[in-house]
Amino acid sequence: MVILNQFTKTLILSILFVVCLSFIFSSFEVKGRSMEPTLISGDRVLVLNLNYINLPFTNKKLIIQMPKKNSLLVFHSDETNVDLVKRVIGLPNDEIDIKNNTVYVNGEIQSRGITLTTPKNNFPLIIDENCIFVLGDNRNFSNDSRYFGCVPLYQFKGEIALRIWPIDKFKLFR
């Protein structure tokens, strides 16, 4: 009876742990070449969901902490109806300019700023409140804010915390 009781406690605690963990993290598989060399198609990452909480019975999100520049975010693209991963380049009220194949934020050249593609949107632009400007690291193969504009905060699912697969490329991003 004591062994069964211990087993039941361990099982219940394990289930509670997994349920709590699933609220904190979600798994995401990278698809496509847009984030190379940082993330490769097929990489599996854990997304930290704590910064963005879905409010029950509404389509709204509570933003606990704004994303930081250069963080990697997963969001739902209404244009393509898929989840995408991109790098945060600009935050609300930042000025983004792309000229001479170079990305500028508030007049400063970005370290990952070289781009060979011509943007669809008119630049320079000021990022709206409650929006983020995102780009893929592999700019020649990325469908990003140059084409579909700034992404509203409510579309974000979370920030990439770590790469878990392939195991030999395990990496912490936060």
Foldseek 3Di string as FASTA:
>chain_A
DVVVVVVVVVVVVVVVVVVVVCQQWDKDAAADDLAPPVDDGGWIFIFGQVQWAQDPPDLAIDGNDDDDAQFWFWFADPVVRHIHIWGFHFAAFWWWFADPQFIDTNRHTDPLTGHDDDFPDDDGDGHHHQWTFTGHSNRVTTDGCSYVNTHGNSGTRGTTQWTPPPPVPTDGRD
